[in-house]
């Protein structure tokens, strides 16, 4: 659920980029203004491009990821992610001799093509955590350094093999004796609390995305082998009870672009000056266009979904804004091949021009906060005016006598 007002202390660097662009208030207020005239001399359709007046990109609190259907593991650009898992339904009816953690792959997140690989390791967690609230900030490094099991992670994901058929790669972490003993302890409720396990990694150049416990299929699971009381061998599969991924920024993002992301709460505010558009105009078409900065964008093949909400009051830096919940949000999708993000805002611009709705601007945010470590970077009007936010308008005005 999105908050209407966000007030918090942010990191000093790059938590706010606030730019006021005066281009629309200069002498030639609407560059590219094109009057299309009907044969009788009356004005038919006007077209213009309105450049952004105010743009701001800012960062809010780290988003918890326990409700995601994915577990992200690895590193891409400045973002690292580790995974937390807890299994509670460990059987006490067998003498456990072998344990294997099985994770099924969803996809990879990488900048461009990669054929790299990395080593992932399982570790015992030493403090409690809540699936609904845990983040890298409050968890810290609460795990033991000794590895309980390891597996090699390669840069492949689920592959379509036929109509509606996926070939899902499974990663298997075979536990050593310390890992087997730990899982055996979880079956004994008289022993200390079960804090679960953490999956760490070494020197990754991509993020491997696994299917999480919130998914309806292929959840993380323990394959437990042991002897029953009658001496027969038994194998039990135990599905994860709680899981989350722990994302953290290892360095600051470059200044200049406008950011929207799923975990670190990057959001972008835009406002356009429409004062030169006659109030009686009929807006035939209004399209928001912003070019994607692919050098710092990281999205999956399925794309990054953005919601565009109307602001009911002026944005107050650094993070205070109020959403107009009575106005249904617009949407945009950015996929790896997207060069320019476009969204039709015709109805909203019509309300702004007529004054039926106060023009306080819009805010661009993630549709699925906490879902994964992807982000979109958009060119700003300050760093690249020709590629920054712009409204392309077609409108009809009153006849000219």
Protein backbone atom coordinates (compact mmCIF):
# COMPACT_ATOMS: atom_id res chain seq x y z
CA UNK A 1 0.00 0.00 0.00
CA UNK A 2 1.38 3.34 -1.00
CA UNK A 3 1.69 6.15 1.55
CA UNK A 4 0.31 9.57 0.87
CA UNK A 5 3.01 11.34 2.80
CA UNK A 6 6.58 10.22 3.23
CA UNK A 7 8.77 12.02 5.75
CA UNK A 8 12.14 10.66 6.59
CA UNK A 9 15.80 11.40 6.87
CA UNK A 10 17.53 10.43 3.65
CA UNK A 11 21.15 9.82 2.73
CA UNK A 12 22.78 13.13 1.80
CA UNK A 13 23.99 12.14 -1.64
CA UNK A 14 21.62 11.49 -4.53
CA UNK A 15 18.53 11.25 -2.40
CA UNK A 16 17.15 14.32 -4.16
CA UNK A 17 17.53 15.84 -7.56
CA UNK A 18 15.26 18.84 -7.89
CA UNK A 19 15.35 20.85 -11.05
CA UNK A 20 13.26 23.78 -12.14
CA UNK A 21 13.33 24.19 -15.88
CA UNK A 22 12.20 27.61 -17.04
CA UNK A 23 12.05 26.88 -20.77
CA UNK A 24 8.28 27.09 -20.98
CA UNK A 25 8.28 30.57 -19.45
CA UNK A 26 10.80 32.16 -21.80
CA UNK A 27 9.89 34.65 -24.50
CA UNK A 28 9.11 31.95 -27.03
CA UNK A 29 6.97 30.07 -24.56
CA UNK A 30 6.00 27.02 -26.58
CA UNK A 31 8.77 25.96 -28.92
CA UNK A 32 7.50 24.10 -31.96
CA UNK A 33 3.96 25.53 -31.71
CA UNK A 34 2.27 24.48 -34.95
CA UNK A 35 -1.04 26.02 -36.02
CA UNK A 36 -2.99 23.93 -38.49
CA UNK A 37 -5.53 26.19 -40.19
CA UNK A 38 -8.80 25.18 -41.80
CA UNK A 39 -9.68 26.52 -45.29
CA UNK A 40 -12.00 29.20 -43.86
CA UNK A 41 -9.15 30.62 -41.79
CA UNK A 42 -10.42 29.19 -38.56
CA UNK A 43 -7.97 27.37 -36.32
CA UNK A 44 -8.51 23.61 -36.47
CA UNK A 45 -5.83 21.73 -34.53
CA UNK A 46 -2.79 23.03 -32.70
CA UNK A 47 0.22 20.87 -31.86
CA UNK A 48 3.05 21.60 -29.46
CA UNK A 49 5.62 19.97 -27.21
CA UNK A 50 5.66 21.15 -23.60
CA UNK A 51 8.94 20.59 -21.77
CA UNK A 52 9.01 19.74 -18.09
CA UNK A 53 8.83 22.64 -15.65
CA UNK A 54 9.69 20.78 -12.44
CA UNK A 55 11.35 17.37 -12.11
CA UNK A 56 12.52 15.68 -8.93
CA UNK A 57 13.82 12.21 -8.21
CA UNK A 58 14.15 11.06 -4.62
CA UNK A 59 14.65 7.98 -2.47
CA UNK A 60 12.53 6.82 0.46
CA UNK A 61 12.83 3.92 2.89
CA UNK A 62 14.03 0.47 1.91
CA UNK A 63 11.08 -1.75 0.95
CA UNK A 64 10.55 -5.12 2.64
CA UNK A 65 10.54 -8.05 0.20
CA UNK A 66 8.85 -10.84 2.15
CA UNK A 67 5.69 -10.66 0.02
CA UNK A 68 7.56 -11.15 -3.26
CA UNK A 69 7.16 -14.32 -5.30
CA UNK A 70 10.89 -14.14 -6.10
CA UNK A 71 14.20 -14.45 -4.26
CA UNK A 72 17.01 -12.40 -5.82
CA UNK A 73 20.61 -13.49 -5.29
CA UNK A 74 23.78 -11.87 -6.65
CA UNK A 75 24.93 -8.45 -7.79
CA UNK A 76 24.16 -6.15 -10.71
CA UNK A 77 25.69 -2.70 -11.04
CA UNK A 78 25.56 -1.14 -7.54
CA UNK A 79 23.00 -3.55 -6.03
CA UNK A 80 23.67 -6.73 -4.05
CA UNK A 81 21.04 -9.17 -2.85
CA UNK A 82 21.11 -12.16 -0.50
CA UNK A 83 18.30 -14.56 0.45
CA UNK A 84 16.76 -15.55 3.80
CA UNK A 85 14.78 -18.76 4.33
CA UNK A 86 13.18 -20.47 7.30
CA UNK A 87 11.79 -24.03 7.41
CA UNK A 88 9.57 -24.90 10.36
CA UNK A 89 7.95 -28.21 9.35
CA UNK A 90 11.01 -30.43 9.78
CA UNK A 91 9.93 -34.01 10.59
CA UNK A 92 10.95 -35.49 13.93
CA UNK A 93 9.99 -39.01 12.84
CA UNK A 94 13.29 -39.83 11.10
CA UNK A 95 16.97 -39.79 12.00
CA UNK A 96 18.23 -37.28 9.42
CA UNK A 97 21.34 -38.26 7.46
CA UNK A 98 21.20 -36.02 4.38
CA UNK A 99 19.75 -32.58 3.59
CA UNK A 100 19.59 -30.77 0.26
CA UNK A 101 18.18 -27.27 -0.31
CA UNK A 102 16.49 -26.99 -3.72
CA UNK A 103 15.79 -23.65 -5.42
CA UNK A 104 14.08 -23.32 -8.80
CA UNK A 105 15.13 -20.56 -11.18
CA UNK A 106 12.83 -17.89 -12.57
CA UNK A 107 15.26 -15.77 -14.63
CA UNK A 108 18.45 -13.73 -14.40
CA UNK A 109 18.83 -9.96 -14.17
CA UNK A 110 21.89 -8.70 -16.03
CA UNK A 111 23.07 -5.71 -18.02
CA UNK A 112 23.49 -7.16 -21.49
CA UNK A 113 24.58 -10.70 -22.26
CA UNK A 114 26.65 -12.53 -19.67
CA UNK A 115 28.18 -16.01 -19.48
CA UNK A 116 29.61 -15.61 -16.01
CA UNK A 117 28.95 -17.69 -12.90
CA UNK A 118 29.42 -17.38 -9.15
CA UNK A 119 29.55 -19.54 -6.03
CA UNK A 120 26.69 -19.33 -3.54
CA UNK A 121 26.85 -20.62 0.03
CA UNK A 122 24.36 -21.41 2.81
CA UNK A 123 24.91 -20.05 6.34
CA UNK A 124 23.23 -20.36 9.74
CA UNK A 125 21.33 -17.22 10.80
CA UNK A 126 22.00 -16.02 14.35
CA UNK A 127 19.11 -13.63 15.09
CA UNK A 128 15.37 -13.56 14.59
CA UNK A 129 13.61 -11.79 11.72
CA UNK A 130 10.09 -11.13 10.48
CA UNK A 131 9.25 -11.99 6.89
CA UNK A 132 6.91 -9.00 6.49
CA UNK A 133 9.42 -6.38 7.65
CA UNK A 134 12.98 -7.65 7.32
CA UNK A 135 15.41 -5.63 5.17
CA UNK A 136 19.19 -5.55 4.82
CA UNK A 137 19.29 -2.51 7.11
CA UNK A 138 17.85 -4.23 10.19
CA UNK A 139 19.25 -7.71 9.45
CA UNK A 140 22.84 -6.59 8.95
CA UNK A 141 25.23 -9.56 8.91
CA UNK A 142 23.50 -11.76 11.47
CA UNK A 143 24.84 -15.07 10.21
CA UNK A 144 27.77 -17.40 10.79
CA UNK A 145 30.65 -17.29 8.30
CA UNK A 146 31.06 -21.07 8.13
CA UNK A 147 29.28 -22.48 5.08
CA UNK A 148 26.76 -25.31 5.49
CA UNK A 149 26.61 -26.03 1.76
CA UNK A 150 27.58 -24.55 -1.61
CA UNK A 151 26.38 -24.51 -5.21
CA UNK A 152 27.55 -22.95 -8.46
CA UNK A 153 25.18 -20.39 -9.98
CA UNK A 154 25.25 -19.95 -13.76
CA UNK A 155 23.69 -17.22 -15.89
CA UNK A 156 20.71 -19.15 -17.22
CA UNK A 157 17.03 -18.92 -16.36
CA UNK A 158 13.78 -20.70 -17.10
CA UNK A 159 13.54 -21.53 -20.81
CA UNK A 160 10.39 -21.85 -22.92
CA UNK A 161 10.43 -25.34 -24.46
CA UNK A 162 7.00 -25.43 -26.04
CA UNK A 163 3.53 -23.93 -25.91
CA UNK A 164 3.03 -22.79 -22.30
CA UNK A 165 5.86 -25.06 -21.17
CA UNK A 166 8.86 -23.97 -19.12
CA UNK A 167 12.03 -25.88 -18.45
CA UNK A 168 12.94 -24.81 -14.92
CA UNK A 169 16.51 -25.10 -13.71
CA UNK A 170 16.89 -26.37 -10.15
CA UNK A 171 19.88 -25.47 -7.97
CA UNK A 172 20.80 -28.01 -5.27
CA UNK A 173 22.78 -27.11 -2.14
CA UNK A 174 23.91 -30.33 -0.44
CA UNK A 175 24.46 -29.66 3.26
CA UNK A 176 27.58 -30.78 5.10
CA UNK A 177 27.36 -32.45 8.51
CA UNK A 178 27.00 -29.10 10.29
CA UNK A 179 24.06 -28.32 8.04
CA UNK A 180 22.49 -31.72 8.68
CA UNK A 181 22.88 -31.21 12.44
CA UNK A 182 21.26 -27.76 12.19
CA UNK A 183 18.21 -29.09 10.35
CA UNK A 184 17.96 -31.93 12.89
CA UNK A 185 17.89 -29.32 15.65
CA UNK A 186 14.94 -27.59 13.95
CA UNK A 187 12.91 -30.79 14.42
CA UNK A 188 13.49 -30.60 18.18
CA UNK A 189 11.27 -27.84 19.54
CA UNK A 190 13.03 -27.95 22.93
CA UNK A 191 16.25 -26.54 21.42
CA UNK A 192 16.97 -22.82 20.74
CA UNK A 193 14.91 -20.89 18.22
CA UNK A 194 15.04 -21.65 14.52
CA UNK A 195 16.33 -18.50 12.80
CA UNK A 196 16.72 -20.14 9.41
CA UNK A 197 19.49 -19.84 6.83
CA UNK A 198 21.00 -17.16 4.63
CA UNK A 199 22.33 -17.64 1.10
CA UNK A 200 25.38 -15.52 0.36
CA UNK A 201 27.58 -15.33 -2.76
CA UNK A 202 31.05 -14.43 -4.05
CA UNK A 203 31.89 -11.95 -6.84
CA UNK A 204 28.68 -12.01 -8.88
CA UNK A 205 28.11 -10.06 -12.10
CA UNK A 206 24.40 -10.79 -12.38
CA UNK A 207 21.39 -11.54 -10.19
CA UNK A 208 19.86 -15.00 -10.22
CA UNK A 209 16.16 -14.87 -9.49
CA UNK A 210 14.64 -17.90 -7.78
CA UNK A 211 11.00 -18.73 -7.15
CA UNK A 212 9.97 -17.87 -3.58
CA UNK A 213 7.59 -19.43 -1.10
CA UNK A 214 4.79 -17.02 -2.02
CA UNK A 215 4.60 -18.58 -5.46
CA UNK A 216 1.93 -21.19 -6.17
CA UNK A 217 4.50 -23.61 -7.55
CA UNK A 218 8.18 -24.64 -7.29
CA UNK A 219 8.73 -23.14 -3.84
CA UNK A 220 12.10 -23.50 -2.08
CA UNK A 221 12.25 -26.85 -0.33
CA UNK A 222 14.44 -29.13 1.74
CA UNK A 223 14.93 -32.69 0.60
CA UNK A 224 15.49 -34.59 3.84
CA UNK A 225 16.70 -38.20 3.88
CA UNK A 226 16.87 -40.36 7.00
CA UNK A 227 15.91 -43.58 8.75
CA UNK A 228 12.54 -44.22 10.32
CA UNK A 229 12.29 -45.99 13.67
CA UNK A 230 11.84 -49.34 11.89
CA UNK A 231 15.14 -48.88 10.05
CA UNK A 232 13.61 -48.06 6.67
CA UNK A 233 15.00 -45.13 4.69
CA UNK A 234 12.59 -42.28 4.04
CA UNK A 235 12.75 -39.07 1.98
CA UNK A 236 10.67 -36.04 2.95
CA UNK A 237 10.22 -32.73 1.10
CA UNK A 238 9.64 -29.70 3.34
CA UNK A 239 8.51 -26.43 1.72
CA UNK A 240 9.82 -23.10 3.02
CA UNK A 241 7.65 -21.28 5.57
CA UNK A 242 9.19 -17.81 5.37
CA UNK A 243 11.59 -16.16 2.96
CA UNK A 244 12.78 -12.77 1.72
CA UNK A 245 15.66 -11.28 -0.21
CA UNK A 246 17.94 -8.66 1.32
CA UNK A 247 18.92 -5.97 -1.18
CA UNK A 248 21.40 -3.19 -0.49
CA UNK A 249 23.04 -0.43 -2.52
CA UNK A 250 26.82 -0.76 -2.51
CA UNK A 251 27.42 2.69 -4.02
CA UNK A 252 25.49 5.79 -5.01
CA UNK A 253 23.68 5.93 -8.31
CA UNK A 254 25.02 8.45 -10.84
CA UNK A 255 23.42 11.87 -10.71
CA UNK A 256 21.38 13.12 -13.64
CA UNK A 257 18.75 10.47 -14.48
CA UNK A 258 15.28 10.19 -12.98
CA UNK A 259 14.89 6.86 -11.16
CA UNK A 260 12.03 4.48 -10.36
CA UNK A 261 12.77 1.15 -8.66
CA UNK A 262 11.18 -1.72 -6.73
CA UNK A 263 13.27 -1.97 -3.55
CA UNK A 264 14.99 1.32 -2.70
CA UNK A 265 11.85 3.44 -3.21
CA UNK A 266 13.22 5.68 -5.94
CA UNK A 267 10.36 7.84 -7.24
CA UNK A 268 10.08 10.73 -9.69
CA UNK A 269 7.87 13.84 -9.66
CA UNK A 270 7.07 15.77 -12.86
CA UNK A 271 5.15 18.99 -13.46
CA UNK A 272 4.43 20.73 -16.76
CA UNK A 273 3.46 24.38 -17.33
CA UNK A 274 0.27 24.40 -19.40
CA UNK A 275 -0.53 28.09 -18.91
CA UNK A 276 -0.03 28.87 -22.61
CA UNK A 277 -2.73 26.42 -23.66
CA UNK A 278 -6.09 28.26 -23.94
CA UNK A 279 -8.41 27.22 -21.16
CA UNK A 280 -11.29 26.53 -23.54
CA UNK A 281 -9.18 24.09 -25.57
CA UNK A 282 -10.21 20.52 -26.23
CA UNK A 283 -7.25 18.20 -25.71
CA UNK A 284 -7.36 15.71 -28.56
CA UNK A 285 -4.19 13.93 -27.53
CA UNK A 286 -1.60 14.28 -24.76
CA UNK A 287 1.31 11.87 -24.67
CA UNK A 288 4.01 11.83 -22.01
CA UNK A 289 7.37 10.86 -23.49
CA UNK A 290 10.66 10.24 -21.65
CA UNK A 291 13.72 8.56 -23.12
CA UNK A 292 15.15 5.62 -21.16
CA UNK A 293 18.76 5.87 -19.96
CA UNK A 294 19.79 2.30 -20.66
CA UNK A 295 23.25 2.72 -19.11
CA UNK A 296 21.77 2.49 -15.59
CA UNK A 297 18.46 0.73 -16.30
CA UNK A 298 18.15 -2.90 -15.22
CA UNK A 299 14.92 -4.68 -16.12
CA UNK A 300 13.82 -8.24 -16.81
CA UNK A 301 12.44 -9.44 -20.14
CA UNK A 302 8.96 -9.25 -18.61
CA UNK A 303 9.47 -5.52 -18.10
CA UNK A 304 9.18 -2.96 -15.31
CA UNK A 305 5.69 -1.64 -14.54
CA UNK A 306 5.30 2.01 -13.54
CA UNK A 307 2.22 3.66 -12.05
CA UNK A 308 1.64 7.36 -12.61
CA UNK A 309 -0.43 9.04 -9.90
CA UNK A 310 -1.90 12.51 -9.77
CA UNK A 311 -0.65 14.79 -6.99
CA UNK A 312 -3.40 16.52 -5.03
CA UNK A 313 -1.00 19.06 -3.48
CA UNK A 314 2.35 20.55 -4.46
CA UNK A 315 5.35 18.29 -3.94
CA UNK A 316 7.48 19.43 -0.99
CA UNK A 317 11.15 18.38 -1.14
CA UNK A 318 12.68 16.11 -0.22
CA UNK A 319 9.98 13.41 0.11
CA UNK A 320 6.61 14.91 1.01
CA UNK A 321 3.77 14.42 -1.46
CA UNK A 322 0.05 13.70 -1.46
CA UNK A 323 -1.70 11.39 -3.90
CA UNK A 324 -5.15 12.13 -5.31
CA UNK A 325 -6.73 8.74 -4.61
CA UNK A 326 -9.92 9.68 -6.48
CA UNK A 327 -8.10 9.68 -9.81
CA UNK A 328 -7.28 6.28 -11.29
CA UNK A 329 -3.51 5.96 -11.93
CA UNK A 330 -2.03 5.73 -15.40
CA UNK A 331 0.48 3.02 -16.28
CA UNK A 332 3.64 2.52 -18.30
CA UNK A 333 5.82 -0.49 -19.09
CA UNK A 334 9.56 -0.46 -19.78
CA UNK A 335 11.12 -3.58 -21.32
CA UNK A 336 14.80 -4.10 -22.25
CA UNK A 337 14.20 -2.82 -25.80
CA UNK A 338 12.26 0.31 -24.79
CA UNK A 339 13.96 3.46 -26.05
CA UNK A 340 11.24 5.94 -25.10
CA UNK A 341 8.64 5.44 -22.39
CA UNK A 342 5.25 6.73 -23.56
CA UNK A 343 1.94 7.12 -21.74
CA UNK A 344 -1.32 8.67 -22.89
CA UNK A 345 -2.46 11.37 -20.42
CA UNK A 346 -5.19 13.00 -22.52
CA UNK A 347 -7.95 13.01 -19.91
CA UNK A 348 -5.68 14.31 -17.15
CA UNK A 349 -4.24 17.14 -19.25
CA UNK A 350 -7.79 18.14 -20.25
CA UNK A 351 -8.71 18.54 -16.57
CA UNK A 352 -5.54 20.54 -15.93
CA UNK A 353 -6.13 22.91 -18.85
CA UNK A 354 -9.76 23.63 -17.95
CA UNK A 355 -8.85 24.06 -14.29
CA UNK A 356 -11.18 21.31 -13.11
CA UNK A 357 -8.17 19.71 -11.40
CA UNK A 358 -5.29 21.73 -9.96
CA UNK A 359 -2.05 21.03 -11.80
CA UNK A 360 0.29 19.88 -9.02
CA UNK A 361 2.03 17.39 -11.28
CA UNK A 362 2.37 13.62 -11.24
CA UNK A 363 4.53 11.04 -9.48
CA UNK A 364 6.03 7.94 -11.10
CA UNK A 365 6.42 4.90 -8.82
CA UNK A 366 6.77 1.14 -9.01
CA UNK A 367 3.61 -0.92 -9.44
CA UNK A 368 5.13 -3.85 -7.52
CA UNK A 369 7.33 -2.46 -4.72
CA UNK A 370 9.48 -5.10 -3.04
CA UNK A 371 9.16 -7.58 -5.91
CA UNK A 372 12.75 -7.60 -7.23
CA UNK A 373 15.91 -5.49 -7.63
CA UNK A 374 15.07 -4.00 -11.03
CA UNK A 375 14.94 -0.27 -11.79
CA UNK A 376 14.32 2.20 -14.59
CA UNK A 377 16.42 5.30 -15.26
CA UNK A 378 14.92 8.07 -17.39
CA UNK A 379 16.73 11.01 -18.97
CA UNK A 380 16.10 14.27 -17.14
CA UNK A 381 15.35 17.63 -18.70
CA UNK A 382 18.37 19.12 -16.95
CA UNK A 383 20.99 16.62 -18.10
CA UNK A 384 19.52 16.00 -21.55
CA UNK A 385 16.75 18.47 -22.48
CA UNK A 386 16.01 16.86 -25.84
CA UNK A 387 15.46 13.44 -24.27
CA UNK A 388 13.92 14.46 -20.95
CA UNK A 389 10.22 14.50 -19.96
CA UNK A 390 7.91 16.15 -22.49
CA UNK A 391 4.21 16.37 -23.23
CA UNK A 392 3.24 16.16 -26.89
CA UNK A 393 -0.12 17.85 -27.34
CA UNK A 394 -2.76 18.07 -30.05
CA UNK A 395 -5.63 20.36 -29.14
CA UNK A 396 -8.51 22.29 -30.67
CA UNK A 397 -9.36 25.83 -29.63
CA UNK A 398 -12.16 28.30 -30.29
CA UNK A 399 -12.53 29.61 -33.81
CA UNK A 400 -10.75 32.83 -34.75
CA UNK A 401 -13.09 35.39 -36.29
